[in-house]
Amino acid sequence: MKIDNSIMLKIEDKFKKTNLPIIEVGDSVKIGLLIEEGNKQRVQFSEGVVISKNNAQLNTTITIRKVLQGVGVEKVYLIHSPRIKSIAITRKSKVRRAKLYYLRKRIGKATRLKQKFV
């Protein structure tokens, strides 16, 4: 049985977030993620640089990279997930590539990106 693509898009539109900022590769973002600890819920913030973005309607993901205690950490976030409470862009950077995987090989000041003033 083949499902019509327009029907799938209508269903996905119900779950899409409309209040998201326009996120681009190279942006420094702060993401508030809902964490459950026992029977309590709290928002934990994570900050980093967007090194890749995968546009796929409801399944759009961004990969965030940051350095914690000298170790590079990358995490993929599904931006339309109900667990994500907030996304704030803290800084925009001028980049000339779609994916910033080359930042993985760089250390310290070499990872800096040129700021874009909007």
PDB file of N, CA and C in Angstrom:
ATOM      1  N   MET A   1       0.838  -1.175   0.000  1.00  0.00           N
ATOM      2  CA  MET A   1       0.000   0.000   0.000  1.00  0.00           C
ATOM      3  C   MET A   1       0.893   1.251   0.000  1.00  0.00           C
ATOM      4  N   LYS A   2       0.648   2.150  -0.922  1.00  0.00           N
ATOM      5  CA  LYS A   2       1.457   3.350  -1.053  1.00  0.00           C
ATOM      6  C   LYS A   2       0.729   4.535  -0.411  1.00  0.00           C
ATOM      7  N   ILE A   3       1.448   5.265   0.449  1.00  0.00           N
ATOM      8  CA  ILE A   3       0.862   6.408   1.137  1.00  0.00           C
ATOM      9  C   ILE A   3       1.185   7.666   0.338  1.00  0.00           C
ATOM     10  N   ASP A   4       0.181   8.494   0.139  1.00  0.00           N
ATOM     11  CA  ASP A   4       0.357   9.740  -0.602  1.00  0.00           C
ATOM     12  C   ASP A   4       1.245  10.695   0.198  1.00  0.00           C
ATOM     13  N   ASN A   5       2.195  11.310  -0.481  1.00  0.00           N
ATOM     14  CA  ASN A   5       3.157  12.197   0.177  1.00  0.00           C
ATOM     15  C   ASN A   5       2.481  13.411   0.811  1.00  0.00           C
ATOM     16  N   SER A   6       1.429  13.927   0.196  1.00  0.00           N
ATOM     17  CA  SER A   6       0.755  15.107   0.750  1.00  0.00           C
ATOM     18  C   SER A   6       0.064  14.784   2.074  1.00  0.00           C
ATOM     19  N   ILE A   7      -0.422  13.563   2.207  1.00  0.00           N
ATOM     20  CA  ILE A   7      -1.048  13.145   3.475  1.00  0.00           C
ATOM     21  C   ILE A   7      -0.002  13.112   4.587  1.00  0.00           C
ATOM     22  N   MET A   8       1.188  12.600   4.265  1.00  0.00           N
ATOM     23  CA  MET A   8       2.276  12.541   5.252  1.00  0.00           C
ATOM     24  C   MET A   8       2.687  13.943   5.690  1.00  0.00           C
ATOM     25  N   LEU A   9       2.752  14.879   4.746  1.00  0.00           N
ATOM     26  CA  LEU A   9       3.140  16.246   5.085  1.00  0.00           C
ATOM     27  C   LEU A   9       2.114  16.917   5.985  1.00  0.00           C
ATOM     28  N   LYS A  10       0.824  16.647   5.761  1.00  0.00           N
ATOM     29  CA  LYS A  10      -0.223  17.218   6.619  1.00  0.00           C
ATOM     30  C   LYS A  10      -0.120  16.692   8.040  1.00  0.00           C
ATOM     31  N   ILE A  11       0.183  15.406   8.173  1.00  0.00           N
ATOM     32  CA  ILE A  11       0.328  14.803   9.505  1.00  0.00           C
ATOM     33  C   ILE A  11       1.552  15.379  10.209  1.00  0.00           C
ATOM     34  N   GLU A  12       2.663  15.514   9.466  1.00  0.00           N
ATOM     35  CA  GLU A  12       3.890  16.046  10.059  1.00  0.00           C
ATOM     36  C   GLU A  12       3.736  17.502  10.485  1.00  0.00           C
ATOM     37  N   ASP A  13       2.933  18.277   9.768  1.00  0.00           N
ATOM     38  CA  ASP A  13       2.750  19.692  10.095  1.00  0.00           C
ATOM     39  C   ASP A  13       2.163  19.905  11.481  1.00  0.00           C
ATOM     40  N   LYS A  14       1.398  18.947  11.977  1.00  0.00           N
ATOM     41  CA  LYS A  14       0.820  19.057  13.315  1.00  0.00           C
ATOM     42  C   LYS A  14       1.907  19.052  14.395  1.00  0.00           C
ATOM     43  N   PHE A  15       3.013  18.358  14.120  1.00  0.00           N
ATOM     44  CA  PHE A  15       4.062  18.177  15.123  1.00  0.00           C
ATOM     45  C   PHE A  15       5.229  19.136  14.954  1.00  0.00           C
ATOM     46  N   LYS A  16       5.254  19.903  13.883  1.00  0.00           N
ATOM     47  CA  LYS A  16       6.351  20.841  13.642  1.00  0.00           C
ATOM     48  C   LYS A  16       6.252  22.045  14.567  1.00  0.00           C
ATOM     49  N   LYS A  17       7.395  22.515  15.022  1.00  0.00           N
ATOM     50  CA  LYS A  17       7.438  23.735  15.834  1.00  0.00           C
ATOM     51  C   LYS A  17       7.481  24.936  14.902  1.00  0.00           C
ATOM     52  N   THR A  18       6.766  25.983  15.275  1.00  0.00           N
ATOM     53  CA  THR A  18       6.724  27.174  14.434  1.00  0.00           C
ATOM     54  C   THR A  18       7.551  28.323  15.002  1.00  0.00           C
ATOM     55  N   ASN A  19       7.956  28.216  16.257  1.00  0.00           N
ATOM     56  CA  ASN A  19       8.661  29.321  16.920  1.00  0.00           C
ATOM     57  C   ASN A  19      10.179  29.165  16.898  1.00  0.00           C
ATOM     58  N   LEU A  20      10.713  28.353  15.982  1.00  0.00           N
ATOM     59  CA  LEU A  20      12.151  28.125  15.923  1.00  0.00           C
ATOM     60  C   LEU A  20      12.859  29.257  15.182  1.00  0.00           C
ATOM     61  N   PRO A  21      14.052  29.646  15.655  1.00  0.00           N
ATOM     62  CA  PRO A  21      14.827  30.630  14.892  1.00  0.00           C
ATOM     63  C   PRO A  21      15.428  29.966  13.654  1.00  0.00           C
ATOM     64  N   ILE A  22      15.890  30.779  12.721  1.00  0.00           N
ATOM     65  CA  ILE A  22      16.539  30.233  11.524  1.00  0.00           C
ATOM     66  C   ILE A  22      17.969  29.873  11.902  1.00  0.00           C
ATOM     67  N   ILE A  23      18.243  28.582  11.949  1.00  0.00           N
ATOM     68  CA  ILE A  23      19.546  28.085  12.379  1.00  0.00           C
ATOM     69  C   ILE A  23      20.368  27.760  11.139  1.00  0.00           C
ATOM     70  N   GLU A  24      21.599  28.258  11.127  1.00  0.00           N
ATOM     71  CA  GLU A  24      22.510  27.995  10.018  1.00  0.00           C
ATOM     72  C   GLU A  24      23.784  27.359  10.559  1.00  0.00           C
ATOM     73  N   VAL A  25      24.519  26.712   9.672  1.00  0.00           N
ATOM     74  CA  VAL A  25      25.793  26.120  10.052  1.00  0.00           C
ATOM     75  C   VAL A  25      26.750  27.252  10.429  1.00  0.00           C
ATOM     76  N   GLY A  26      27.466  27.080  11.535  1.00  0.00           N
ATOM     77  CA  GLY A  26      28.383  28.106  12.019  1.00  0.00           C
ATOM     78  C   GLY A  26      27.821  28.920  13.165  1.00  0.00           C
ATOM     79  N   ASP A  27      26.523  28.812  13.417  1.00  0.00           N
ATOM     80  CA  ASP A  27      25.913  29.544  14.524  1.00  0.00           C
ATOM     81  C   ASP A  27      26.288  28.907  15.859  1.00  0.00           C
ATOM     82  N   SER A  28      26.475  29.742  16.868  1.00  0.00           N
ATOM     83  CA  SER A  28      26.619  29.240  18.228  1.00  0.00           C
ATOM     84  C   SER A  28      25.229  29.281  18.847  1.00  0.00           C
ATOM     85  N   VAL A  29      24.782  28.151  19.346  1.00  0.00           N
ATOM     86  CA  VAL A  29      23.422  28.067  19.867  1.00  0.00           C
ATOM     87  C   VAL A  29      23.416  27.566  21.304  1.00  0.00           C
ATOM     88  N   LYS A  30      22.328  27.897  21.993  1.00  0.00           N
ATOM     89  CA  LYS A  30      22.095  27.417  23.350  1.00  0.00           C
ATOM     90  C   LYS A  30      20.761  26.679  23.318  1.00  0.00           C
ATOM     91  N   ILE A  31      20.796  25.386  23.616  1.00  0.00           N
ATOM     92  CA  ILE A  31      19.607  24.540  23.524  1.00  0.00           C
ATOM     93  C   ILE A  31      19.173  24.131  24.926  1.00  0.00           C
ATOM     94  N   GLY A  32      17.892  24.337  25.228  1.00  0.00           N
ATOM     95  CA  GLY A  32      17.317  23.913  26.496  1.00  0.00           C
ATOM     96  C   GLY A  32      16.617  22.579  26.313  1.00  0.00           C
ATOM     97  N   LEU A  33      17.146  21.533  26.926  1.00  0.00           N
ATOM     98  CA  LEU A  33      16.640  20.166  26.762  1.00  0.00           C
ATOM     99  C   LEU A  33      15.968  19.719  28.053  1.00  0.00           C
ATOM    100  N   LEU A  34      14.774  19.158  27.943  1.00  0.00           N
ATOM    101  CA  LEU A  34      14.024  18.687  29.103  1.00  0.00           C
ATOM    102  C   LEU A  34      14.606  17.356  29.577  1.00  0.00           C
ATOM    103  N   ILE A  35      15.023  17.316  30.831  1.00  0.00           N
ATOM    104  CA  ILE A  35      15.646  16.127  31.422  1.00  0.00           C
ATOM    105  C   ILE A  35      14.757  15.627  32.553  1.00  0.00           C
ATOM    106  N   GLU A  36      14.556  14.305  32.609  1.00  0.00           N
ATOM    107  CA  GLU A  36      13.792  13.719  33.711  1.00  0.00           C
ATOM    108  C   GLU A  36      14.739  13.052  34.688  1.00  0.00           C
ATOM    109  N   GLU A  37      14.623  13.433  35.941  1.00  0.00           N
ATOM    110  CA  GLU A  37      15.402  12.819  37.002  1.00  0.00           C
ATOM    111  C   GLU A  37      14.430  12.307  38.049  1.00  0.00           C
ATOM    112  N   GLY A  38      14.227  10.999  38.058  1.00  0.00           N
ATOM    113  CA  GLY A  38      13.230  10.423  38.958  1.00  0.00           C
ATOM    114  C   GLY A  38      11.851  10.848  38.519  1.00  0.00           C
ATOM    115  N   ASN A  39      11.135  11.563  39.398  1.00  0.00           N
ATOM    116  CA  ASN A  39       9.801  12.044  39.031  1.00  0.00           C
ATOM    117  C   ASN A  39       9.805  13.548  38.771  1.00  0.00           C
ATOM    118  N   LYS A  40      10.997  14.159  38.716  1.00  0.00           N
ATOM    119  CA  LYS A  40      11.102  15.594  38.475  1.00  0.00           C
ATOM    120  C   LYS A  40      11.600  15.856  37.048  1.00  0.00           C
ATOM    121  N   GLN A  41      11.203  17.007  36.531  1.00  0.00           N
ATOM    122  CA  GLN A  41      11.677  17.435  35.223  1.00  0.00           C
ATOM    123  C   GLN A  41      12.377  18.777  35.363  1.00  0.00           C
ATOM    124  N   ARG A  42      13.462  18.940  34.614  1.00  0.00           N
ATOM    125  CA  ARG A  42      14.153  20.223  34.601  1.00  0.00           C
ATOM    126  C   ARG A  42      14.721  20.455  33.213  1.00  0.00           C
ATOM    127  N   VAL A  43      15.061  21.705  32.937  1.00  0.00           N
ATOM    128  CA  VAL A  43      15.631  22.062  31.648  1.00  0.00           C
ATOM    129  C   VAL A  43      17.140  22.193  31.814  1.00  0.00           C
ATOM    130  N   GLN A  44      17.877  21.430  31.009  1.00  0.00           N
ATOM    131  CA  GLN A  44      19.337  21.501  31.018  1.00  0.00           C
ATOM    132  C   GLN A  44      19.797  22.173  29.733  1.00  0.00           C
ATOM    133  N   PHE A  45      20.647  23.188  29.865  1.00  0.00           N
ATOM    134  CA  PHE A  45      21.109  23.931  28.699  1.00  0.00           C
ATOM    135  C   PHE A  45      22.429  23.369  28.203  1.00  0.00           C
ATOM    136  N   SER A  46      22.545  23.339  26.881  1.00  0.00           N
ATOM    137  CA  SER A  46      23.759  22.882  26.225  1.00  0.00           C
ATOM    138  C   SER A  46      24.128  23.916  25.178  1.00  0.00           C
ATOM    139  N   GLU A  47      25.401  24.249  25.117  1.00  0.00           N
ATOM    140  CA  GLU A  47      25.846  25.300  24.217  1.00  0.00           C
ATOM    141  C   GLU A  47      26.933  24.765  23.304  1.00  0.00           C
ATOM    142  N   GLY A  48      26.961  25.240  22.055  1.00  0.00           N
ATOM    143  CA  GLY A  48      27.997  24.813  21.127  1.00  0.00           C
ATOM    144  C   GLY A  48      27.792  25.403  19.750  1.00  0.00           C
ATOM    145  N   VAL A  49      28.655  24.983  18.820  1.00  0.00           N
ATOM    146  CA  VAL A  49      28.620  25.471  17.446  1.00  0.00           C
ATOM    147  C   VAL A  49      27.929  24.436  16.574  1.00  0.00           C
ATOM    148  N   VAL A  50      27.041  24.898  15.697  1.00  0.00           N
ATOM    149  CA  VAL A  50      26.363  24.004  14.756  1.00  0.00           C
ATOM    150  C   VAL A  50      27.357  23.660  13.658  1.00  0.00           C
ATOM    151  N   ILE A  51      27.761  22.371  13.579  1.00  0.00           N
ATOM    152  CA  ILE A  51      28.717  21.984  12.547  1.00  0.00           C
ATOM    153  C   ILE A  51      28.033  21.332  11.352  1.00  0.00           C
ATOM    154  N   SER A  52      26.768  20.903  11.528  1.00  0.00           N
ATOM    155  CA  SER A  52      26.043  20.368  10.383  1.00  0.00           C
ATOM    156  C   SER A  52      24.549  20.471  10.626  1.00  0.00           C
ATOM    157  N   LYS A  53      23.824  20.538   9.524  1.00  0.00           N
ATOM    158  CA  LYS A  53      22.369  20.593   9.583  1.00  0.00           C
ATOM    159  C   LYS A  53      21.830  19.671   8.516  1.00  0.00           C
ATOM    160  N   ASN A  54      20.835  18.881   8.899  1.00  0.00           N
ATOM    161  CA  ASN A  54      20.214  17.950   7.964  1.00  0.00           C
ATOM    162  C   ASN A  54      18.739  18.329   7.860  1.00  0.00           C
ATOM    163  N   ASN A  55      18.347  18.927   6.732  1.00  0.00           N
ATOM    164  CA  ASN A  55      16.960  19.346   6.534  1.00  0.00           C
ATOM    165  C   ASN A  55      16.138  18.181   6.011  1.00  0.00           C
ATOM    166  N   ALA A  56      15.169  17.733   6.802  1.00  0.00           N
ATOM    167  CA  ALA A  56      14.314  16.620   6.398  1.00  0.00           C
ATOM    168  C   ALA A  56      12.929  16.789   7.010  1.00  0.00           C
ATOM    169  N   GLN A  57      12.283  17.938   6.733  1.00  0.00           N
ATOM    170  CA  GLN A  57      10.936  18.221   7.237  1.00  0.00           C
ATOM    171  C   GLN A  57      10.874  18.074   8.752  1.00  0.00           C
ATOM    172  N   LEU A  58      10.115  17.111   9.233  1.00  0.00           N
ATOM    173  CA  LEU A  58       9.951  16.908  10.674  1.00  0.00           C
ATOM    174  C   LEU A  58      11.219  16.334  11.304  1.00  0.00           C
ATOM    175  N   ASN A  59      12.002  15.609  10.529  1.00  0.00           N
ATOM    176  CA  ASN A  59      13.212  14.959  11.041  1.00  0.00           C
ATOM    177  C   ASN A  59      14.464  15.818  10.887  1.00  0.00           C
ATOM    178  N   THR A  60      14.320  17.127  10.861  1.00  0.00           N
ATOM    179  CA  THR A  60      15.465  18.017  10.725  1.00  0.00           C
ATOM    180  C   THR A  60      16.342  17.933  11.967  1.00  0.00           C
ATOM    181  N   THR A  61      17.643  17.727  11.750  1.00  0.00           N
ATOM    182  CA  THR A  61      18.579  17.600  12.864  1.00  0.00           C
ATOM    183  C   THR A  61      19.717  18.609  12.712  1.00  0.00           C
ATOM    184  N   ILE A  62      20.299  18.969  13.858  1.00  0.00           N
ATOM    185  CA  ILE A  62      21.512  19.769  13.865  1.00  0.00           C
ATOM    186  C   ILE A  62      22.531  19.057  14.749  1.00  0.00           C
ATOM    187  N   THR A  63      23.793  19.158  14.374  1.00  0.00           N
ATOM    188  CA  THR A  63      24.874  18.584  15.162  1.00  0.00           C
ATOM    189  C   THR A  63      25.614  19.720  15.845  1.00  0.00           C
ATOM    190  N   ILE A  64      25.706  19.631  17.163  1.00  0.00           N
ATOM    191  CA  ILE A  64      26.346  20.660  17.980  1.00  0.00           C
ATOM    192  C   ILE A  64      27.682  20.133  18.470  1.00  0.00           C
ATOM    193  N   ARG A  65      28.716  20.965  18.376  1.00  0.00           N
ATOM    194  CA  ARG A  65      30.047  20.585  18.862  1.00  0.00           C
ATOM    195  C   ARG A  65      30.520  21.587  19.906  1.00  0.00           C
ATOM    196  N   LYS A  66      31.070  21.054  20.984  1.00  0.00           N
ATOM    197  CA  LYS A  66      31.691  21.888  22.013  1.00  0.00           C
ATOM    198  C   LYS A  66      32.843  21.107  22.618  1.00  0.00           C
ATOM    199  N   VAL A  67      33.731  21.822  23.306  1.00  0.00           N
ATOM    200  CA  VAL A  67      34.866  21.177  23.949  1.00  0.00           C
ATOM    201  C   VAL A  67      34.641  21.227  25.455  1.00  0.00           C
ATOM    202  N   LEU A  68      34.616  20.059  26.079  1.00  0.00           N
ATOM    203  CA  LEU A  68      34.431  19.946  27.528  1.00  0.00           C
ATOM    204  C   LEU A  68      35.666  19.298  28.131  1.00  0.00           C
ATOM    205  N   GLN A  69      36.331  20.004  29.008  1.00  0.00           N
ATOM    206  CA  GLN A  69      37.518  19.512  29.711  1.00  0.00           C
ATOM    207  C   GLN A  69      38.554  18.946  28.745  1.00  0.00           C
ATOM    208  N   GLY A  70      38.739  19.646  27.615  1.00  0.00           N
ATOM    209  CA  GLY A  70      39.747  19.250  26.638  1.00  0.00           C
ATOM    210  C   GLY A  70      39.328  18.153  25.686  1.00  0.00           C
ATOM    211  N   VAL A  71      38.080  17.699  25.777  1.00  0.00           N
ATOM    212  CA  VAL A  71      37.591  16.642  24.898  1.00  0.00           C
ATOM    213  C   VAL A  71      36.457  17.201  24.044  1.00  0.00           C
ATOM    214  N   GLY A  72      36.540  17.007  22.744  1.00  0.00           N
ATOM    215  CA  GLY A  72      35.482  17.465  21.844  1.00  0.00           C
ATOM    216  C   GLY A  72      34.259  16.571  21.959  1.00  0.00           C
ATOM    217  N   VAL A  73      33.085  17.186  22.119  1.00  0.00           N
ATOM    218  CA  VAL A  73      31.845  16.442  22.271  1.00  0.00           C
ATOM    219  C   VAL A  73      30.871  16.915  21.202  1.00  0.00           C
ATOM    220  N   GLU A  74      30.276  15.969  20.484  1.00  0.00           N
ATOM    221  CA  GLU A  74      29.271  16.302  19.481  1.00  0.00           C
ATOM    222  C   GLU A  74      27.979  15.590  19.827  1.00  0.00           C
ATOM    223  N   LYS A  75      26.874  16.298  19.600  1.00  0.00           N
ATOM    224  CA  LYS A  75      25.578  15.695  19.864  1.00  0.00           C
ATOM    225  C   LYS A  75      24.611  16.121  18.777  1.00  0.00           C
ATOM    226  N   VAL A  76      23.777  15.190  18.359  1.00  0.00           N
ATOM    227  CA  VAL A  76      22.787  15.455  17.317  1.00  0.00           C
ATOM    228  C   VAL A  76      21.445  15.697  17.991  1.00  0.00           C
ATOM    229  N   TYR A  77      20.796  16.809  17.638  1.00  0.00           N
ATOM    230  CA  TYR A  77      19.506  17.166  18.208  1.00  0.00           C
ATOM    231  C   TYR A  77      18.449  17.179  17.110  1.00  0.00           C
ATOM    232  N   LEU A  78      17.316  16.586  17.390  1.00  0.00           N
ATOM    233  CA  LEU A  78      16.144  16.647  16.527  1.00  0.00           C
ATOM    234  C   LEU A  78      15.405  17.929  16.911  1.00  0.00           C
ATOM    235  N   ILE A  79      15.418  18.945  16.051  1.00  0.00           N
ATOM    236  CA  ILE A  79      14.970  20.267  16.496  1.00  0.00           C
ATOM    237  C   ILE A  79      13.464  20.360  16.712  1.00  0.00           C
ATOM    238  N   HIS A  80      12.681  19.463  16.125  1.00  0.00           N
ATOM    239  CA  HIS A  80      11.230  19.494  16.330  1.00  0.00           C
ATOM    240  C   HIS A  80      10.790  18.564  17.466  1.00  0.00           C
ATOM    241  N   SER A  81      11.749  18.041  18.218  1.00  0.00           N
ATOM    242  CA  SER A  81      11.445  17.136  19.325  1.00  0.00           C
ATOM    243  C   SER A  81      10.710  17.867  20.440  1.00  0.00           C
ATOM    244  N   PRO A  82       9.727  17.227  21.068  1.00  0.00           N
ATOM    245  CA  PRO A  82       9.043  17.858  22.206  1.00  0.00           C
ATOM    246  C   PRO A  82       9.957  18.006  23.427  1.00  0.00           C
ATOM    247  N   ARG A  83      11.081  17.306  23.480  1.00  0.00           N
ATOM    248  CA  ARG A  83      12.034  17.423  24.586  1.00  0.00           C
ATOM    249  C   ARG A  83      12.809  18.737  24.531  1.00  0.00           C
ATOM    250  N   ILE A  84      12.924  19.329  23.360  1.00  0.00           N
ATOM    251  CA  ILE A  84      13.648  20.592  23.231  1.00  0.00           C
ATOM    252  C   ILE A  84      12.693  21.734  23.550  1.00  0.00           C
ATOM    253  N   LYS A  85      13.012  22.473  24.612  1.00  0.00           N
ATOM    254  CA  LYS A  85      12.137  23.552  25.070  1.00  0.00           C
ATOM    255  C   LYS A  85      12.508  24.893  24.463  1.00  0.00           C
ATOM    256  N   SER A  86      13.797  25.116  24.225  1.00  0.00           N
ATOM    257  CA  SER A  86      14.195  26.407  23.663  1.00  0.00           C
ATOM    258  C   SER A  86      15.477  26.266  22.858  1.00  0.00           C
ATOM    259  N   ILE A  87      15.566  27.081  21.815  1.00  0.00           N
ATOM    260  CA  ILE A  87      16.797  27.192  21.033  1.00  0.00           C
ATOM    261  C   ILE A  87      17.062  28.680  20.857  1.00  0.00           C
ATOM    262  N   ALA A  88      18.228  29.130  21.297  1.00  0.00           N
ATOM    263  CA  ALA A  88      18.599  30.536  21.171  1.00  0.00           C
ATOM    264  C   ALA A  88      19.934  30.633  20.452  1.00  0.00           C
ATOM    265  N   ILE A  89      19.997  31.516  19.477  1.00  0.00           N
ATOM    266  CA  ILE A  89      21.246  31.731  18.759  1.00  0.00           C
ATOM    267  C   ILE A  89      22.022  32.809  19.505  1.00  0.00           C
ATOM    268  N   THR A  90      23.231  32.462  19.971  1.00  0.00           N
ATOM    269  CA  THR A  90      24.035  33.408  20.730  1.00  0.00           C
ATOM    270  C   THR A  90      25.002  34.171  19.839  1.00  0.00           C
ATOM    271  N   ARG A  91      25.395  33.573  18.707  1.00  0.00           N
ATOM    272  CA  ARG A  91      26.383  34.200  17.840  1.00  0.00           C
ATOM    273  C   ARG A  91      26.273  33.610  16.449  1.00  0.00           C
ATOM    274  N   LYS A  92      26.378  34.445  15.439  1.00  0.00           N
ATOM    275  CA  LYS A  92      26.383  33.978  14.052  1.00  0.00           C
ATOM    276  C   LYS A  92      27.794  34.109  13.517  1.00  0.00           C
ATOM    277  N   SER A  93      28.211  33.129  12.710  1.00  0.00           N
ATOM    278  CA  SER A  93      29.553  33.147  12.142  1.00  0.00           C
ATOM    279  C   SER A  93      29.502  33.048  10.632  1.00  0.00           C
ATOM    280  N   LYS A  94      30.509  33.627  10.011  1.00  0.00           N
ATOM    281  CA  LYS A  94      30.621  33.597   8.559  1.00  0.00           C
ATOM    282  C   LYS A  94      31.364  32.325   8.177  1.00  0.00           C
ATOM    283  N   VAL A  95      30.702  31.439   7.460  1.00  0.00           N
ATOM    284  CA  VAL A  95      31.331  30.195   7.016  1.00  0.00           C
ATOM    285  C   VAL A  95      31.089  30.031   5.521  1.00  0.00           C
ATOM    286  N   ARG A  96      31.944  29.237   4.896  1.00  0.00           N
ATOM    287  CA  ARG A  96      31.845  29.038   3.456  1.00  0.00           C
ATOM    288  C   ARG A  96      31.599  27.576   3.104  1.00  0.00           C
ATOM    289  N   ARG A  97      31.207  26.803   4.082  1.00  0.00           N
ATOM    290  CA  ARG A  97      30.973  25.371   3.858  1.00  0.00           C
ATOM    291  C   ARG A  97      29.628  24.958   4.461  1.00  0.00           C
ATOM    292  N   ALA A  98      29.114  23.850   3.951  1.00  0.00           N
ATOM    293  CA  ALA A  98      27.847  23.339   4.455  1.00  0.00           C
ATOM    294  C   ALA A  98      28.050  22.498   5.715  1.00  0.00           C
ATOM    295  N   LYS A  99      29.193  21.865   5.840  1.00  0.00           N
ATOM    296  CA  LYS A  99      29.519  21.052   7.009  1.00  0.00           C
ATOM    297  C   LYS A  99      30.879  21.494   7.543  1.00  0.00           C
ATOM    298  N   LEU A 100      30.970  21.669   8.840  1.00  0.00           N
ATOM    299  CA  LEU A 100      32.202  22.161   9.456  1.00  0.00           C
ATOM    300  C   LEU A 100      32.962  21.039  10.161  1.00  0.00           C
ATOM    301  N   TYR A 101      33.060  19.886   9.518  1.00  0.00           N
ATOM    302  CA  TYR A 101      33.734  18.745  10.134  1.00  0.00           C
ATOM    303  C   TYR A 101      35.222  18.984  10.322  1.00  0.00           C
ATOM    304  N   TYR A 102      35.796  19.945   9.593  1.00  0.00           N
ATOM    305  CA  TYR A 102      37.223  20.224   9.733  1.00  0.00           C
ATOM    306  C   TYR A 102      37.557  20.765  11.125  1.00  0.00           C
ATOM    307  N   LEU A 103      36.555  21.250  11.859  1.00  0.00           N
ATOM    308  CA  LEU A 103      36.808  21.750  13.216  1.00  0.00           C
ATOM    309  C   LEU A 103      37.223  20.627  14.163  1.00  0.00           C
ATOM    310  N   ARG A 104      36.931  19.388  13.806  1.00  0.00           N
ATOM    311  CA  ARG A 104      37.300  18.246  14.651  1.00  0.00           C
ATOM    312  C   ARG A 104      38.813  18.115  14.773  1.00  0.00           C
ATOM    313  N   LYS A 105      39.535  18.493  13.724  1.00  0.00           N
ATOM    314  CA  LYS A 105      40.990  18.326  13.702  1.00  0.00           C
ATOM    315  C   LYS A 105      41.709  19.521  14.327  1.00  0.00           C
ATOM    316  N   ARG A 106      40.992  20.574  14.641  1.00  0.00           N
ATOM    317  CA  ARG A 106      41.629  21.795  15.131  1.00  0.00           C
ATOM    318  C   ARG A 106      41.541  21.904  16.646  1.00  0.00           C
ATOM    319  N   ILE A 107      42.504  22.632  17.207  1.00  0.00           N
ATOM    320  CA  ILE A 107      42.607  22.752  18.661  1.00  0.00           C
ATOM    321  C   ILE A 107      42.732  24.221  19.037  1.00  0.00           C
ATOM    322  N   GLY A 108      42.114  24.614  20.126  1.00  0.00           N
ATOM    323  CA  GLY A 108      42.301  25.940  20.701  1.00  0.00           C
ATOM    324  C   GLY A 108      41.806  27.071  19.826  1.00  0.00           C
ATOM    325  N   LYS A 109      42.671  28.077  19.613  1.00  0.00           N
ATOM    326  CA  LYS A 109      42.270  29.264  18.878  1.00  0.00           C
ATOM    327  C   LYS A 109      41.997  28.973  17.406  1.00  0.00           C
ATOM    328  N   ALA A 110      42.487  27.883  16.890  1.00  0.00           N
ATOM    329  CA  ALA A 110      42.269  27.533  15.483  1.00  0.00           C
ATOM    330  C   ALA A 110      40.814  27.174  15.202  1.00  0.00           C
ATOM    331  N   THR A 111      40.037  26.933  16.258  1.00  0.00           N
ATOM    332  CA  THR A 111      38.626  26.573  16.063  1.00  0.00           C
ATOM    333  C   THR A 111      37.720  27.789  15.989  1.00  0.00           C
ATOM    334  N   ARG A 112      38.290  28.984  16.177  1.00  0.00           N
ATOM    335  CA  ARG A 112      37.469  30.192  16.150  1.00  0.00           C
ATOM    336  C   ARG A 112      36.938  30.452  14.745  1.00  0.00           C
ATOM    337  N   LEU A 113      35.711  30.941  14.675  1.00  0.00           N
ATOM    338  CA  LEU A 113      35.083  31.316  13.413  1.00  0.00           C
ATOM    339  C   LEU A 113      34.878  32.819  13.402  1.00  0.00           C
ATOM    340  N   LYS A 114      34.935  33.414  12.210  1.00  0.00           N
ATOM    341  CA  LYS A 114      34.779  34.857  12.086  1.00  0.00           C
ATOM    342  C   LYS A 114      33.315  35.226  12.321  1.00  0.00           C
ATOM    343  N   GLN A 115      33.076  36.174  13.200  1.00  0.00           N
ATOM    344  CA  GLN A 115      31.713  36.564  13.557  1.00  0.00           C
ATOM    345  C   GLN A 115      31.054  37.353  12.434  1.00  0.00           C
ATOM    346  N   LYS A 116      29.762  37.072  12.238  1.00  0.00           N
ATOM    347  CA  LYS A 116      28.970  37.773  11.236  1.00  0.00           C
ATOM    348  C   LYS A 116      27.999  38.683  11.969  1.00  0.00           C
ATOM    349  N   PHE A 117      28.074  39.973  11.719  1.00  0.00           N
ATOM    350  CA  PHE A 117      27.188  40.939  12.365  1.00  0.00           C
ATOM    351  C   PHE A 117      25.991  41.175  11.466  1.00  0.00           C
ATOM    352  N   VAL A 118      24.801  40.921  12.008  1.00  0.00           N
ATOM    353  CA  VAL A 118      23.585  41.043  11.190  1.00  0.00           C
ATOM    354  C   VAL A 118      22.853  42.312  11.531  1.00  0.00           C
TER     355      VAL A 118
END
